[in-house]
Amino acid sequence: MSTLRAKIPTYSMHAMLIFGLIVTVFPFVWVALMGTHSRSEIYSVPPPFYVGDDLLANYEKLLDIMPFWQVLWNSLSISILGTVSAVFFCSLCAYGFFAYDFRGKNIVFGIMVASMMVPPVLTIIPFFLTVKFLGILDTHFALWFPGMANAFGIFLVRQYMTTSISRDLIDAAKVDGCSPFRIYWSVVLPLIKPALATLAIVMFIGLWNNFLGPLIVLSSPDKFVLTLALRSVQSLANSPWGAIMLGTFLSMVPLLLAFAFFSKQMIAGLTAGAVKG
């Protein structure tokens, strides 16, 4: 009896983890299954929780109601360009805050961190007016360029640098004759890969799932991204929910692949500094 009581906390933890896993995975499985059924089957009671026979028909319907592969490429190009540029410029700015002392450094950094507390919804009108003033409305450039050097990325990478890089290492590189950019590129970047991977995943997911930005900026259907295109076809009469569900599931695949490739680095970045040793 005492052994059973001792294992109750372990069993409870395992039960909670299994429950959490089911809750997390269920939406993905549900969307995938609904992508193989017709509209009438989806609305049946109870709904079919098995693989249907309408996968090919839903795929053909998906291509009929929207240029799926075009909007997929639009989302992919925006996400990749935004992610790569953000990782480079955020890490470069973070290195400046970490390695150099200049007048007003702490004030500038504090204002930048404080800007993260401003709700994004409050910046919608200034964002639209700025994009319109610059003449980049209805362009993909307006979706990824503003986030190239964002406060969250700079703060994340800078904090990681303070816990993983010794200033003595930078001083030694200077003594060896390395230029400032060479120190950043050859010495600092290899040591902060977990932080860069974390930032890359966060930026990629944010740009891929972005709906409000494209809704404000884009007006040409051929320039739509996946989130906007999938939402636009939901207003059709007798919406083909099987095709929409299939498109939604296909839009999840790049995110799942990105997380599969970079999850270890991301976890290492999130847990850095949690244990001293």
C-alpha atoms as a PDB file:
ATOM      1  CA  MET A   1       0.000   0.000   0.000  1.00  0.00           C
ATOM      2  CA  SER A   2       2.825   2.391   0.858  1.00  0.00           C
ATOM      3  CA  THR A   3       4.458   1.670  -2.503  1.00  0.00           C
ATOM      4  CA  LEU A   4       1.200   2.467  -4.306  1.00  0.00           C
ATOM      5  CA  ARG A   5       0.819   5.728  -2.386  1.00  0.00           C
ATOM      6  CA  ALA A   6       4.356   6.688  -3.278  1.00  0.00           C
ATOM      7  CA  LYS A   7       3.633   6.143  -6.988  1.00  0.00           C
ATOM      8  CA  ILE A   8       0.351   8.107  -7.026  1.00  0.00           C
ATOM      9  CA  PRO A   9       2.102  11.436  -7.782  1.00  0.00           C
ATOM     10  CA  THR A  10       3.957   9.772 -10.668  1.00  0.00           C
ATOM     11  CA  TYR A  11       0.767   8.243 -12.060  1.00  0.00           C
ATOM     12  CA  SER A  12      -1.031  11.570 -11.709  1.00  0.00           C
ATOM     13  CA  MET A  13       1.747  13.374 -13.562  1.00  0.00           C
ATOM     14  CA  HIS A  14       1.698  10.783 -16.362  1.00  0.00           C
ATOM     15  CA  ALA A  15      -2.089  11.068 -16.628  1.00  0.00           C
ATOM     16  CA  MET A  16      -1.873  14.849 -16.899  1.00  0.00           C
ATOM     17  CA  LEU A  17       0.852  14.610 -19.544  1.00  0.00           C
ATOM     18  CA  ILE A  18      -1.177  12.121 -21.583  1.00  0.00           C
ATOM     19  CA  PHE A  19      -4.252  14.340 -21.295  1.00  0.00           C
ATOM     20  CA  GLY A  20      -2.239  17.369 -22.384  1.00  0.00           C
ATOM     21  CA  LEU A  21      -0.821  15.419 -25.319  1.00  0.00           C
ATOM     22  CA  ILE A  22      -4.304  14.378 -26.467  1.00  0.00           C
ATOM     23  CA  VAL A  23      -5.621  17.944 -26.195  1.00  0.00           C
ATOM     24  CA  THR A  24      -2.637  19.252 -28.157  1.00  0.00           C
ATOM     25  CA  VAL A  25      -2.620  16.656 -30.928  1.00  0.00           C
ATOM     26  CA  PHE A  26      -6.398  16.304 -31.383  1.00  0.00           C
ATOM     27  CA  PRO A  27      -6.920  19.494 -33.485  1.00  0.00           C
ATOM     28  CA  PHE A  28      -4.205  18.411 -35.938  1.00  0.00           C
ATOM     29  CA  VAL A  29      -5.693  14.921 -36.286  1.00  0.00           C
ATOM     30  CA  TRP A  30      -9.213  16.330 -36.586  1.00  0.00           C
ATOM     31  CA  VAL A  31      -8.283  18.762 -39.370  1.00  0.00           C
ATOM     32  CA  ALA A  32      -6.397  16.027 -41.235  1.00  0.00           C
ATOM     33  CA  LEU A  33      -9.370  13.642 -41.044  1.00  0.00           C
ATOM     34  CA  MET A  34     -11.916  16.281 -42.072  1.00  0.00           C
ATOM     35  CA  GLY A  35      -9.793  16.993 -45.136  1.00  0.00           C
ATOM     36  CA  THR A  36     -10.709  13.542 -46.433  1.00  0.00           C
ATOM     37  CA  HIS A  37     -14.501  13.952 -46.123  1.00  0.00           C
ATOM     38  CA  SER A  38     -17.192  15.744 -48.093  1.00  0.00           C
ATOM     39  CA  ARG A  39     -19.201  18.689 -46.744  1.00  0.00           C
ATOM     40  CA  SER A  40     -22.236  16.512 -45.987  1.00  0.00           C
ATOM     41  CA  GLU A  41     -20.145  13.969 -44.081  1.00  0.00           C
ATOM     42  CA  ILE A  42     -18.514  16.710 -42.011  1.00  0.00           C
ATOM     43  CA  TYR A  43     -21.942  18.005 -40.955  1.00  0.00           C
ATOM     44  CA  SER A  44     -23.265  14.520 -40.121  1.00  0.00           C
ATOM     45  CA  VAL A  45     -24.013  13.544 -36.532  1.00  0.00           C
ATOM     46  CA  PRO A  46     -21.901  12.106 -35.101  1.00  0.00           C
ATOM     47  CA  PRO A  47     -19.053  13.478 -37.239  1.00  0.00           C
ATOM     48  CA  PRO A  48     -16.863  10.829 -38.902  1.00  0.00           C
ATOM     49  CA  PHE A  49     -13.698  10.225 -36.955  1.00  0.00           C
ATOM     50  CA  TYR A  50     -12.021   8.101 -39.620  1.00  0.00           C
ATOM     51  CA  VAL A  51     -10.255   8.546 -42.957  1.00  0.00           C
ATOM     52  CA  GLY A  52     -12.711   9.297 -45.761  1.00  0.00           C
ATOM     53  CA  ASP A  53     -12.687   8.756 -49.533  1.00  0.00           C
ATOM     54  CA  ASP A  54     -12.831  12.379 -50.724  1.00  0.00           C
ATOM     55  CA  LEU A  55      -9.187  13.381 -50.387  1.00  0.00           C
ATOM     56  CA  LEU A  56      -8.584  13.724 -54.132  1.00  0.00           C
ATOM     57  CA  ALA A  57     -11.904  15.502 -54.689  1.00  0.00           C
ATOM     58  CA  ASN A  58     -11.124  17.963 -51.893  1.00  0.00           C
ATOM     59  CA  TYR A  59      -7.670  18.607 -53.348  1.00  0.00           C
ATOM     60  CA  GLU A  60      -9.136  19.373 -56.768  1.00  0.00           C
ATOM     61  CA  LYS A  61     -11.756  21.619 -55.167  1.00  0.00           C
ATOM     62  CA  LEU A  62      -9.044  23.391 -53.200  1.00  0.00           C
ATOM     63  CA  LEU A  63      -7.214  24.246 -56.419  1.00  0.00           C
ATOM     64  CA  ASP A  64     -10.490  25.452 -57.946  1.00  0.00           C
ATOM     65  CA  ILE A  65     -11.415  27.896 -55.188  1.00  0.00           C
ATOM     66  CA  MET A  66      -7.930  29.381 -54.678  1.00  0.00           C
ATOM     67  CA  PRO A  67      -4.411  29.313 -56.173  1.00  0.00           C
ATOM     68  CA  PHE A  68      -3.223  27.217 -53.251  1.00  0.00           C
ATOM     69  CA  TRP A  69       0.393  26.646 -54.264  1.00  0.00           C
ATOM     70  CA  GLN A  70       0.819  30.307 -55.188  1.00  0.00           C
ATOM     71  CA  VAL A  71      -0.393  31.553 -51.814  1.00  0.00           C
ATOM     72  CA  LEU A  72       1.662  28.819 -50.128  1.00  0.00           C
ATOM     73  CA  TRP A  73       4.759  30.156 -51.881  1.00  0.00           C
ATOM     74  CA  ASN A  74       3.809  33.700 -50.882  1.00  0.00           C
ATOM     75  CA  SER A  75       3.611  32.681 -47.215  1.00  0.00           C
ATOM     76  CA  LEU A  76       6.817  30.679 -47.440  1.00  0.00           C
ATOM     77  CA  SER A  77       8.827  33.453 -49.110  1.00  0.00           C
ATOM     78  CA  ILE A  78       7.614  36.082 -46.631  1.00  0.00           C
ATOM     79  CA  SER A  79       8.325  33.818 -43.655  1.00  0.00           C
ATOM     80  CA  ILE A  80      11.802  32.846 -44.841  1.00  0.00           C
ATOM     81  CA  LEU A  81      12.863  36.391 -45.761  1.00  0.00           C
ATOM     82  CA  GLY A  82      11.482  37.794 -42.527  1.00  0.00           C
ATOM     83  CA  THR A  83      13.056  35.071 -40.406  1.00  0.00           C
ATOM     84  CA  VAL A  84      16.528  35.253 -41.962  1.00  0.00           C
ATOM     85  CA  SER A  85      16.642  39.056 -41.854  1.00  0.00           C
ATOM     86  CA  ALA A  86      15.338  39.169 -38.266  1.00  0.00           C
ATOM     87  CA  VAL A  87      17.868  36.611 -37.044  1.00  0.00           C
ATOM     88  CA  PHE A  88      20.724  38.566 -38.627  1.00  0.00           C
ATOM     89  CA  PHE A  89      19.755  42.102 -37.645  1.00  0.00           C
ATOM     90  CA  CYS A  90      18.395  41.242 -34.185  1.00  0.00           C
ATOM     91  CA  SER A  91      21.582  39.354 -33.315  1.00  0.00           C
ATOM     92  CA  LEU A  92      23.672  42.216 -34.711  1.00  0.00           C
ATOM     93  CA  CYS A  93      21.818  44.795 -32.604  1.00  0.00           C
ATOM     94  CA  ALA A  94      21.975  42.512 -29.564  1.00  0.00           C
ATOM     95  CA  TYR A  95      25.738  42.200 -30.019  1.00  0.00           C
ATOM     96  CA  GLY A  96      26.001  45.990 -30.033  1.00  0.00           C
ATOM     97  CA  PHE A  97      24.124  46.232 -26.725  1.00  0.00           C
ATOM     98  CA  PHE A  98      26.204  43.415 -25.254  1.00  0.00           C
ATOM     99  CA  ALA A  99      29.726  44.234 -26.388  1.00  0.00           C
ATOM    100  CA  TYR A 100      29.827  48.044 -26.486  1.00  0.00           C
ATOM    101  CA  ASP A 101      29.332  50.796 -23.940  1.00  0.00           C
ATOM    102  CA  PHE A 102      27.938  54.079 -25.184  1.00  0.00           C
ATOM    103  CA  ARG A 103      26.110  57.046 -23.724  1.00  0.00           C
ATOM    104  CA  GLY A 104      22.425  56.337 -23.141  1.00  0.00           C
ATOM    105  CA  LYS A 105      22.821  52.597 -23.711  1.00  0.00           C
ATOM    106  CA  ASN A 106      20.663  51.549 -20.764  1.00  0.00           C
ATOM    107  CA  ILE A 107      18.024  54.189 -21.556  1.00  0.00           C
ATOM    108  CA  VAL A 108      17.744  53.066 -25.172  1.00  0.00           C
ATOM    109  CA  PHE A 109      17.580  49.413 -24.152  1.00  0.00           C
ATOM    110  CA  GLY A 110      14.958  50.177 -21.493  1.00  0.00           C
ATOM    111  CA  ILE A 111      12.764  52.073 -23.974  1.00  0.00           C
ATOM    112  CA  MET A 112      13.090  49.210 -26.440  1.00  0.00           C
ATOM    113  CA  VAL A 113      12.045  46.644 -23.827  1.00  0.00           C
ATOM    114  CA  ALA A 114       9.171  48.889 -22.674  1.00  0.00           C
ATOM    115  CA  SER A 115       7.881  49.020 -26.247  1.00  0.00           C
ATOM    116  CA  MET A 116       7.147  45.291 -25.978  1.00  0.00           C
ATOM    117  CA  MET A 117       4.361  46.113 -23.508  1.00  0.00           C
ATOM    118  CA  VAL A 118       2.414  48.117 -26.113  1.00  0.00           C
ATOM    119  CA  PRO A 119      -0.494  45.965 -27.413  1.00  0.00           C
ATOM    120  CA  PRO A 120      -0.008  45.270 -31.139  1.00  0.00           C
ATOM    121  CA  VAL A 121      -3.603  46.306 -31.855  1.00  0.00           C
ATOM    122  CA  LEU A 122      -2.697  49.897 -30.934  1.00  0.00           C
ATOM    123  CA  THR A 123      -0.106  50.022 -33.726  1.00  0.00           C
ATOM    124  CA  ILE A 124      -2.493  49.024 -36.529  1.00  0.00           C
ATOM    125  CA  ILE A 125      -3.353  52.553 -37.650  1.00  0.00           C
ATOM    126  CA  PRO A 126       0.239  53.902 -37.417  1.00  0.00           C
ATOM    127  CA  PHE A 127       1.425  50.802 -39.294  1.00  0.00           C
ATOM    128  CA  PHE A 128      -1.088  51.336 -42.095  1.00  0.00           C
ATOM    129  CA  LEU A 129      -0.324  55.064 -42.383  1.00  0.00           C
ATOM    130  CA  THR A 130       3.420  54.395 -42.472  1.00  0.00           C
ATOM    131  CA  VAL A 131       3.096  51.695 -45.117  1.00  0.00           C
ATOM    132  CA  LYS A 132       0.857  53.945 -47.193  1.00  0.00           C
ATOM    133  CA  PHE A 133       3.264  56.883 -46.853  1.00  0.00           C
ATOM    134  CA  LEU A 134       6.191  54.736 -47.991  1.00  0.00           C
ATOM    135  CA  GLY A 135       4.206  53.516 -51.001  1.00  0.00           C
ATOM    136  CA  ILE A 136       4.540  49.824 -50.211  1.00  0.00           C
ATOM    137  CA  LEU A 137       0.861  48.954 -49.809  1.00  0.00           C
ATOM    138  CA  ASP A 138      -0.130  45.670 -51.428  1.00  0.00           C
ATOM    139  CA  THR A 139       3.445  44.349 -51.363  1.00  0.00           C
ATOM    140  CA  HIS A 140       5.024  41.463 -49.497  1.00  0.00           C
ATOM    141  CA  PHE A 141       7.881  43.764 -48.514  1.00  0.00           C
ATOM    142  CA  ALA A 142       5.577  45.566 -46.080  1.00  0.00           C
ATOM    143  CA  LEU A 143       4.896  42.305 -44.220  1.00  0.00           C
ATOM    144  CA  TRP A 144       8.435  41.181 -43.399  1.00  0.00           C
ATOM    145  CA  PHE A 145      10.536  44.356 -43.479  1.00  0.00           C
ATOM    146  CA  PRO A 146       9.141  46.035 -40.299  1.00  0.00           C
ATOM    147  CA  GLY A 147      10.109  43.037 -38.165  1.00  0.00           C
ATOM    148  CA  MET A 148      13.737  42.849 -39.245  1.00  0.00           C
ATOM    149  CA  ALA A 149      14.976  44.398 -35.987  1.00  0.00           C
ATOM    150  CA  ASN A 150      12.256  43.837 -33.409  1.00  0.00           C
ATOM    151  CA  ALA A 151      12.457  44.432 -29.674  1.00  0.00           C
ATOM    152  CA  PHE A 152      11.662  40.841 -28.699  1.00  0.00           C
ATOM    153  CA  GLY A 153      14.426  39.370 -30.863  1.00  0.00           C
ATOM    154  CA  ILE A 154      17.048  41.866 -29.690  1.00  0.00           C
ATOM    155  CA  PHE A 155      16.112  41.334 -26.042  1.00  0.00           C
ATOM    156  CA  LEU A 156      16.108  37.524 -26.361  1.00  0.00           C
ATOM    157  CA  VAL A 157      19.501  37.292 -28.052  1.00  0.00           C
ATOM    158  CA  ARG A 158      21.122  39.927 -25.854  1.00  0.00           C
ATOM    159  CA  GLN A 159      20.032  38.164 -22.671  1.00  0.00           C
ATOM    160  CA  TYR A 160      21.382  34.886 -23.996  1.00  0.00           C
ATOM    161  CA  MET A 161      24.699  36.532 -24.793  1.00  0.00           C
ATOM    162  CA  THR A 162      25.060  37.809 -21.230  1.00  0.00           C
ATOM    163  CA  THR A 163      24.744  34.253 -19.873  1.00  0.00           C
ATOM    164  CA  SER A 164      26.779  32.336 -22.445  1.00  0.00           C
ATOM    165  CA  ILE A 165      29.588  34.579 -23.682  1.00  0.00           C
ATOM    166  CA  SER A 166      32.534  35.832 -21.671  1.00  0.00           C
ATOM    167  CA  ARG A 167      33.807  39.317 -22.396  1.00  0.00           C
ATOM    168  CA  ASP A 168      37.316  37.935 -22.009  1.00  0.00           C
ATOM    169  CA  LEU A 169      36.719  35.917 -25.158  1.00  0.00           C
ATOM    170  CA  ILE A 170      35.825  39.070 -27.076  1.00  0.00           C
ATOM    171  CA  ASP A 171      38.869  40.873 -25.673  1.00  0.00           C
ATOM    172  CA  ALA A 172      41.081  37.971 -26.746  1.00  0.00           C
ATOM    173  CA  ALA A 173      39.635  38.161 -30.270  1.00  0.00           C
ATOM    174  CA  LYS A 174      40.405  41.877 -30.376  1.00  0.00           C
ATOM    175  CA  VAL A 175      43.983  41.216 -29.294  1.00  0.00           C
ATOM    176  CA  ASP A 176      44.279  38.703 -32.143  1.00  0.00           C
ATOM    177  CA  GLY A 177      43.358  41.469 -34.565  1.00  0.00           C
ATOM    178  CA  CYS A 178      39.747  40.508 -35.383  1.00  0.00           C
ATOM    179  CA  SER A 179      37.531  43.278 -36.704  1.00  0.00           C
ATOM    180  CA  PRO A 180      34.246  43.997 -34.865  1.00  0.00           C
ATOM    181  CA  PHE A 181      32.195  42.249 -37.541  1.00  0.00           C
ATOM    182  CA  ARG A 182      34.599  39.286 -37.625  1.00  0.00           C
ATOM    183  CA  ILE A 183      34.192  38.889 -33.854  1.00  0.00           C
ATOM    184  CA  TYR A 184      30.424  38.941 -34.255  1.00  0.00           C
ATOM    185  CA  TRP A 185      30.394  36.528 -37.183  1.00  0.00           C
ATOM    186  CA  SER A 186      33.118  34.031 -36.232  1.00  0.00           C
ATOM    187  CA  VAL A 187      33.166  34.167 -32.429  1.00  0.00           C
ATOM    188  CA  VAL A 188      29.732  35.222 -31.156  1.00  0.00           C
ATOM    189  CA  LEU A 189      27.305  33.625 -33.612  1.00  0.00           C
ATOM    190  CA  PRO A 190      28.559  30.021 -33.149  1.00  0.00           C
ATOM    191  CA  LEU A 191      28.052  30.386 -29.387  1.00  0.00           C
ATOM    192  CA  ILE A 192      24.454  31.599 -29.547  1.00  0.00           C
ATOM    193  CA  LYS A 193      22.949  29.025 -31.924  1.00  0.00           C
ATOM    194  CA  PRO A 194      20.212  27.987 -29.419  1.00  0.00           C
ATOM    195  CA  ALA A 195      19.028  31.589 -29.110  1.00  0.00           C
ATOM    196  CA  LEU A 196      19.119  32.048 -32.880  1.00  0.00           C
ATOM    197  CA  ALA A 197      17.127  28.847 -33.397  1.00  0.00           C
ATOM    198  CA  THR A 198      14.565  29.986 -30.828  1.00  0.00           C
ATOM    199  CA  LEU A 199      14.211  33.364 -32.495  1.00  0.00           C
ATOM    200  CA  ALA A 200      13.997  31.722 -35.935  1.00  0.00           C
ATOM    201  CA  ILE A 201      11.126  29.450 -34.891  1.00  0.00           C
ATOM    202  CA  VAL A 202       9.231  32.256 -33.146  1.00  0.00           C
ATOM    203  CA  MET A 203       9.634  34.582 -36.138  1.00  0.00           C
ATOM    204  CA  PHE A 204       8.744  31.915 -38.701  1.00  0.00           C
ATOM    205  CA  ILE A 205       5.599  30.888 -36.840  1.00  0.00           C
ATOM    206  CA  GLY A 206       4.588  34.506 -36.293  1.00  0.00           C
ATOM    207  CA  LEU A 207       5.025  35.445 -39.948  1.00  0.00           C
ATOM    208  CA  TRP A 208       3.394  32.231 -41.190  1.00  0.00           C
ATOM    209  CA  ASN A 209       0.324  32.666 -38.963  1.00  0.00           C
ATOM    210  CA  ASN A 210       0.063  36.421 -39.486  1.00  0.00           C
ATOM    211  CA  PHE A 211      -3.471  37.349 -40.532  1.00  0.00           C
ATOM    212  CA  LEU A 212      -4.034  40.931 -39.447  1.00  0.00           C
ATOM    213  CA  GLY A 213      -0.990  42.303 -41.276  1.00  0.00           C
ATOM    214  CA  PRO A 214      -1.903  40.818 -44.685  1.00  0.00           C
ATOM    215  CA  LEU A 215      -5.539  41.822 -44.132  1.00  0.00           C
ATOM    216  CA  ILE A 216      -4.459  45.460 -43.759  1.00  0.00           C
ATOM    217  CA  VAL A 217      -1.748  45.553 -46.427  1.00  0.00           C
ATOM    218  CA  LEU A 218      -2.754  43.176 -49.237  1.00  0.00           C
ATOM    219  CA  SER A 219      -5.606  43.681 -51.694  1.00  0.00           C
ATOM    220  CA  SER A 220      -4.553  41.681 -54.779  1.00  0.00           C
ATOM    221  CA  PRO A 221      -5.718  38.020 -54.633  1.00  0.00           C
ATOM    222  CA  ASP A 222      -2.521  36.823 -56.333  1.00  0.00           C
ATOM    223  CA  LYS A 223      -0.504  38.291 -53.468  1.00  0.00           C
ATOM    224  CA  PHE A 224      -2.588  36.744 -50.686  1.00  0.00           C
ATOM    225  CA  VAL A 225      -0.926  34.558 -48.066  1.00  0.00           C
ATOM    226  CA  LEU A 226      -2.388  31.298 -46.793  1.00  0.00           C
ATOM    227  CA  THR A 227      -4.139  32.735 -43.757  1.00  0.00           C
ATOM    228  CA  LEU A 228      -5.881  35.397 -45.806  1.00  0.00           C
ATOM    229  CA  ALA A 229      -6.715  33.092 -48.731  1.00  0.00           C
ATOM    230  CA  LEU A 230      -8.205  30.386 -46.496  1.00  0.00           C
ATOM    231  CA  ARG A 231     -10.310  32.980 -44.691  1.00  0.00           C
ATOM    232  CA  SER A 232     -11.552  34.531 -47.930  1.00  0.00           C
ATOM    233  CA  VAL A 233     -12.978  31.254 -49.271  1.00  0.00           C
ATOM    234  CA  GLN A 234     -14.966  30.658 -46.087  1.00  0.00           C
ATOM    235  CA  SER A 235     -17.441  33.312 -47.213  1.00  0.00           C
ATOM    236  CA  LEU A 236     -18.368  31.355 -50.346  1.00  0.00           C
ATOM    237  CA  ALA A 237     -21.874  29.937 -50.638  1.00  0.00           C
ATOM    238  CA  ASN A 238     -21.897  26.310 -49.473  1.00  0.00           C
ATOM    239  CA  SER A 239     -18.294  26.578 -48.351  1.00  0.00           C
ATOM    240  CA  PRO A 240     -16.374  23.395 -49.287  1.00  0.00           C
ATOM    241  CA  TRP A 241     -15.202  22.654 -45.770  1.00  0.00           C
ATOM    242  CA  GLY A 242     -13.432  19.467 -46.822  1.00  0.00           C
ATOM    243  CA  ALA A 243     -11.181  21.440 -49.184  1.00  0.00           C
ATOM    244  CA  ILE A 244     -10.692  24.192 -46.605  1.00  0.00           C
ATOM    245  CA  MET A 245      -9.731  21.638 -43.955  1.00  0.00           C
ATOM    246  CA  LEU A 246      -7.279  20.018 -46.372  1.00  0.00           C
ATOM    247  CA  GLY A 247      -5.722  23.398 -47.131  1.00  0.00           C
ATOM    248  CA  THR A 248      -5.517  24.168 -43.419  1.00  0.00           C
ATOM    249  CA  PHE A 249      -3.744  20.891 -42.723  1.00  0.00           C
ATOM    250  CA  LEU A 250      -1.291  21.433 -45.583  1.00  0.00           C
ATOM    251  CA  SER A 251      -0.560  24.893 -44.184  1.00  0.00           C
ATOM    252  CA  MET A 252       0.470  23.276 -40.887  1.00  0.00           C
ATOM    253  CA  VAL A 253       3.091  21.031 -42.473  1.00  0.00           C
ATOM    254  CA  PRO A 254       5.858  23.686 -42.815  1.00  0.00           C
ATOM    255  CA  LEU A 255       5.415  24.647 -39.159  1.00  0.00           C
ATOM    256  CA  LEU A 256       5.651  21.041 -38.023  1.00  0.00           C
ATOM    257  CA  LEU A 257       8.781  20.512 -40.134  1.00  0.00           C
ATOM    258  CA  ALA A 258      10.398  23.692 -38.817  1.00  0.00           C
ATOM    259  CA  PHE A 259       9.723  22.683 -35.234  1.00  0.00           C
ATOM    260  CA  ALA A 260      10.982  19.130 -35.867  1.00  0.00           C
ATOM    261  CA  PHE A 261      14.304  20.425 -37.205  1.00  0.00           C
ATOM    262  CA  PHE A 262      14.909  23.171 -34.638  1.00  0.00           C
ATOM    263  CA  SER A 263      13.116  21.960 -31.509  1.00  0.00           C
ATOM    264  CA  LYS A 264      16.294  20.774 -29.752  1.00  0.00           C
ATOM    265  CA  GLN A 265      18.018  24.103 -30.291  1.00  0.00           C
ATOM    266  CA  MET A 266      14.884  25.951 -29.208  1.00  0.00           C
ATOM    267  CA  ILE A 267      14.574  23.991 -25.960  1.00  0.00           C
ATOM    268  CA  ALA A 268      18.269  24.564 -25.276  1.00  0.00           C
ATOM    269  CA  GLY A 269      17.747  28.279 -25.799  1.00  0.00           C
ATOM    270  CA  LEU A 270      14.710  28.481 -23.525  1.00  0.00           C
ATOM    271  CA  THR A 271      16.404  26.572 -20.709  1.00  0.00           C
ATOM    272  CA  ALA A 272      19.763  28.317 -20.948  1.00  0.00           C
ATOM    273  CA  GLY A 273      20.778  29.677 -17.581  1.00  0.00           C
ATOM    274  CA  ALA A 274      18.128  27.694 -15.724  1.00  0.00           C
ATOM    275  CA  VAL A 275      20.790  25.488 -14.106  1.00  0.00           C
ATOM    276  CA  LYS A 276      24.101  26.795 -12.847  1.00  0.00           C
ATOM    277  CA  GLY A 277      27.102  24.585 -13.114  1.00  0.00           C
END
